[in-house]
Amino acid sequence: MEMLCSHETYQFNDYSKYETAVDEPTRAHIRETRFPQDLQKAYDLGKRLVEKALQC
């Protein structure tokens, strides 16, 4: 079993419309730096799952 988690992602396009304790600049930085890595990990996981399914 494999699992992939991506944390501290954007929940809204415009945080000024909502009351939240989220630090939007921090989330923006995470989206720019960590989220691309998470996307690659998701792609790699999907690829592995398909490869395993094709072996059956």
C-alpha atoms as a PDB file:
ATOM      1  CA  MET A   1       0.000   0.000   0.000  1.00  0.00           C
ATOM      2  CA  GLU A   2       1.277   3.449  -0.873  1.00  0.00           C
ATOM      3  CA  MET A   3      -0.030   6.813   0.261  1.00  0.00           C
ATOM      4  CA  LEU A   4       0.735  10.373  -0.745  1.00  0.00           C
ATOM      5  CA  CYS A   5      -0.097  13.419   1.349  1.00  0.00           C
ATOM      6  CA  SER A   6       0.181  17.045   0.325  1.00  0.00           C
ATOM      7  CA  HIS A   7      -0.153  19.488   3.206  1.00  0.00           C
ATOM      8  CA  GLU A   8      -0.641  23.236   3.568  1.00  0.00           C
ATOM      9  CA  THR A   9      -2.087  23.634   0.101  1.00  0.00           C
ATOM     10  CA  TYR A  10      -4.277  26.499  -1.074  1.00  0.00           C
ATOM     11  CA  GLN A  11      -7.948  26.130  -0.199  1.00  0.00           C
ATOM     12  CA  PHE A  12      -9.146  29.381  -1.798  1.00  0.00           C
ATOM     13  CA  ASN A  13      -8.040  31.550  -4.705  1.00  0.00           C
ATOM     14  CA  ASP A  14      -8.531  34.736  -2.681  1.00  0.00           C
ATOM     15  CA  TYR A  15      -8.004  34.469   1.070  1.00  0.00           C
ATOM     16  CA  SER A  16      -9.176  38.059   1.604  1.00  0.00           C
ATOM     17  CA  LYS A  17     -12.780  36.861   1.095  1.00  0.00           C
ATOM     18  CA  TYR A  18     -12.641  34.517   4.088  1.00  0.00           C
ATOM     19  CA  GLU A  19     -11.981  34.669   7.797  1.00  0.00           C
ATOM     20  CA  THR A  20      -9.083  32.336   8.420  1.00  0.00           C
ATOM     21  CA  ALA A  21      -5.969  32.052  10.528  1.00  0.00           C
ATOM     22  CA  VAL A  22      -3.992  30.880   7.507  1.00  0.00           C
ATOM     23  CA  ASP A  23      -0.851  32.796   6.693  1.00  0.00           C
ATOM     24  CA  GLU A  24      -1.430  33.343   2.967  1.00  0.00           C
ATOM     25  CA  PRO A  25       2.138  34.418   2.089  1.00  0.00           C
ATOM     26  CA  THR A  26       3.454  31.214   3.667  1.00  0.00           C
ATOM     27  CA  ARG A  27       0.934  29.142   1.708  1.00  0.00           C
ATOM     28  CA  ALA A  28       1.934  30.938  -1.484  1.00  0.00           C
ATOM     29  CA  HIS A  29       5.583  30.127  -0.838  1.00  0.00           C
ATOM     30  CA  ILE A  30       4.759  26.479  -0.159  1.00  0.00           C
ATOM     31  CA  ARG A  31       2.701  26.311  -3.351  1.00  0.00           C
ATOM     32  CA  GLU A  32       5.611  27.684  -5.340  1.00  0.00           C
ATOM     33  CA  THR A  33       8.275  25.474  -3.774  1.00  0.00           C
ATOM     34  CA  ARG A  34       6.806  22.254  -2.361  1.00  0.00           C
ATOM     35  CA  PHE A  35       3.653  21.725  -4.429  1.00  0.00           C
ATOM     36  CA  PRO A  36       5.542  21.014  -7.691  1.00  0.00           C
ATOM     37  CA  GLN A  37       7.438  18.290  -5.832  1.00  0.00           C
ATOM     38  CA  ASP A  38       4.148  16.867  -4.530  1.00  0.00           C
ATOM     39  CA  LEU A  39       2.753  16.847  -8.071  1.00  0.00           C
ATOM     40  CA  GLN A  40       5.772  14.901  -9.289  1.00  0.00           C
ATOM     41  CA  LYS A  41       5.379  12.427  -6.436  1.00  0.00           C
ATOM     42  CA  ALA A  42       1.695  11.972  -7.359  1.00  0.00           C
ATOM     43  CA  TYR A  43       2.627  11.349 -10.980  1.00  0.00           C
ATOM     44  CA  ASP A  44       5.290   8.826  -9.967  1.00  0.00           C
ATOM     45  CA  LEU A  45       2.855   7.053  -7.644  1.00  0.00           C
ATOM     46  CA  GLY A  46       0.234   6.833 -10.389  1.00  0.00           C
ATOM     47  CA  LYS A  47       2.811   5.438 -12.781  1.00  0.00           C
ATOM     48  CA  ARG A  48       3.867   2.770 -10.276  1.00  0.00           C
ATOM     49  CA  LEU A  49       0.248   1.792  -9.623  1.00  0.00           C
ATOM     50  CA  VAL A  50      -0.454   1.378 -13.333  1.00  0.00           C
ATOM     51  CA  GLU A  51       2.739  -0.627 -13.844  1.00  0.00           C
ATOM     52  CA  LYS A  52       1.760  -2.950 -10.966  1.00  0.00           C
ATOM     53  CA  ALA A  53      -1.759  -3.346 -12.353  1.00  0.00           C
ATOM     54  CA  LEU A  54      -0.410  -4.263 -15.795  1.00  0.00           C
ATOM     55  CA  GLN A  55       1.779  -6.988 -14.271  1.00  0.00           C
ATOM     56  CA  CYS A  56      -1.284  -8.853 -12.937  1.00  0.00           C
END
